[in-house]
N, C-alpha and C. Protein backbone atom coordinates (compact mmCIF):
# COMPACT_ATOMS: atom_id res chain seq x y z
N UNK A 1 88.84 107.21 93.52
CA UNK A 1 88.78 105.82 93.03
C UNK A 1 90.20 105.28 92.80
N UNK A 2 91.19 106.10 93.14
CA UNK A 2 92.58 105.65 92.95
C UNK A 2 93.06 104.85 94.16
N UNK A 3 92.56 105.22 95.34
CA UNK A 3 92.99 104.52 96.56
C UNK A 3 92.47 103.09 96.59
N UNK A 4 91.25 102.88 96.13
CA UNK A 4 90.66 101.54 96.16
C UNK A 4 91.47 100.54 95.34
N UNK A 5 91.66 100.80 94.04
CA UNK A 5 92.42 99.86 93.19
C UNK A 5 93.84 99.68 93.70
N UNK A 6 94.44 100.72 94.21
CA UNK A 6 95.82 100.61 94.70
C UNK A 6 95.89 99.65 95.88
N UNK A 7 94.96 99.77 96.80
CA UNK A 7 94.95 98.90 97.98
C UNK A 7 94.68 97.45 97.57
N UNK A 8 93.78 97.26 96.63
CA UNK A 8 93.42 95.91 96.18
C UNK A 8 94.61 95.26 95.48
N UNK A 9 95.37 96.04 94.73
CA UNK A 9 96.51 95.48 93.99
C UNK A 9 97.66 95.14 94.94
N UNK A 10 97.76 95.86 96.02
CA UNK A 10 98.86 95.62 96.96
C UNK A 10 98.60 94.35 97.77
N UNK A 11 97.35 94.03 98.04
CA UNK A 11 97.03 92.87 98.87
C UNK A 11 97.19 91.54 98.11
N UNK A 12 96.40 91.29 97.07
CA UNK A 12 96.46 90.00 96.37
C UNK A 12 97.83 89.74 95.72
N UNK A 13 98.32 90.64 94.87
CA UNK A 13 99.60 90.42 94.19
C UNK A 13 100.76 90.36 95.17
N UNK A 14 100.52 90.76 96.41
CA UNK A 14 101.60 90.76 97.40
C UNK A 14 102.24 89.37 97.48
N UNK A 15 101.46 88.33 97.37
CA UNK A 15 102.01 86.97 97.49
C UNK A 15 102.41 86.42 96.12
N UNK A 16 101.66 86.76 95.10
CA UNK A 16 101.96 86.23 93.76
C UNK A 16 103.16 86.96 93.15
N UNK A 17 103.08 88.29 93.10
CA UNK A 17 104.19 89.05 92.51
C UNK A 17 105.32 89.21 93.53
N UNK A 18 106.51 89.42 93.04
CA UNK A 18 107.64 89.60 93.95
C UNK A 18 107.54 90.94 94.67
N UNK A 19 108.25 91.08 95.78
CA UNK A 19 108.16 92.31 96.57
C UNK A 19 108.70 93.51 95.79
N UNK A 20 109.59 93.27 94.85
CA UNK A 20 110.16 94.37 94.07
C UNK A 20 109.12 94.98 93.15
N UNK A 21 108.19 94.16 92.66
CA UNK A 21 107.17 94.65 91.72
C UNK A 21 106.17 95.54 92.45
N UNK A 22 105.89 95.25 93.70
CA UNK A 22 104.89 96.04 94.44
C UNK A 22 105.40 97.47 94.68
N UNK A 23 106.56 97.65 95.26
CA UNK A 23 107.08 99.01 95.51
C UNK A 23 107.16 99.81 94.22
N UNK A 24 107.52 99.16 93.12
CA UNK A 24 107.62 99.87 91.85
C UNK A 24 106.27 100.45 91.45
N UNK A 25 105.21 99.66 91.58
CA UNK A 25 103.87 100.14 91.21
C UNK A 25 103.44 101.26 92.15
N UNK A 26 103.78 101.16 93.42
CA UNK A 26 103.37 102.19 94.38
C UNK A 26 104.07 103.51 94.04
N UNK A 27 105.35 103.43 93.70
CA UNK A 27 106.10 104.65 93.36
C UNK A 27 105.51 105.28 92.10
N UNK A 28 105.20 104.46 91.10
CA UNK A 28 104.63 104.98 89.85
C UNK A 28 103.30 105.67 90.14
N UNK A 29 102.47 105.05 90.93
CA UNK A 29 101.16 105.64 91.25
C UNK A 29 101.34 106.93 92.04
N UNK A 30 102.29 106.95 92.95
CA UNK A 30 102.51 108.15 93.76
C UNK A 30 103.01 109.29 92.88
N UNK A 31 103.88 108.98 91.93
CA UNK A 31 104.40 110.03 91.05
C UNK A 31 103.30 110.50 90.10
N UNK A 32 102.45 109.58 89.68
CA UNK A 32 101.37 109.94 88.76
C UNK A 32 100.38 110.89 89.45
N UNK A 33 99.95 110.52 90.66
CA UNK A 33 99.00 111.37 91.39
C UNK A 33 99.34 111.37 92.88
N UNK A 34 100.34 112.14 93.26
CA UNK A 34 100.76 112.21 94.67
C UNK A 34 99.67 112.78 95.56
N UNK A 35 98.81 113.61 95.00
CA UNK A 35 97.74 114.23 95.79
C UNK A 35 96.78 113.15 96.30
N UNK A 36 96.45 112.18 95.46
CA UNK A 36 95.50 111.14 95.86
C UNK A 36 96.17 110.11 96.76
N UNK A 37 97.42 109.79 96.48
CA UNK A 37 98.13 108.78 97.26
C UNK A 37 98.78 109.37 98.51
N UNK A 38 98.81 110.68 98.62
CA UNK A 38 99.44 111.32 99.77
C UNK A 38 98.81 110.82 101.07
N UNK A 39 97.49 110.96 101.24
CA UNK A 39 96.83 110.48 102.46
C UNK A 39 96.54 108.99 102.39
N UNK A 40 97.33 108.19 103.08
CA UNK A 40 97.12 106.74 103.05
C UNK A 40 95.79 106.35 103.70
N UNK A 41 95.09 105.36 103.13
CA UNK A 41 93.81 104.90 103.69
C UNK A 41 94.00 104.23 105.05
N UNK A 42 95.20 103.68 105.27
CA UNK A 42 95.45 103.02 106.54
C UNK A 42 95.50 104.06 107.65
């Protein structure tokens, strides 16, 4: 259930939030649970 919210947050906020905020959240999520984020859904 970690991949779903991560993908949803990257799409919508992509235009609203700045590009710097997106990479930061992705890095935090990857460090928190690299096992779940290791295999990208794409």
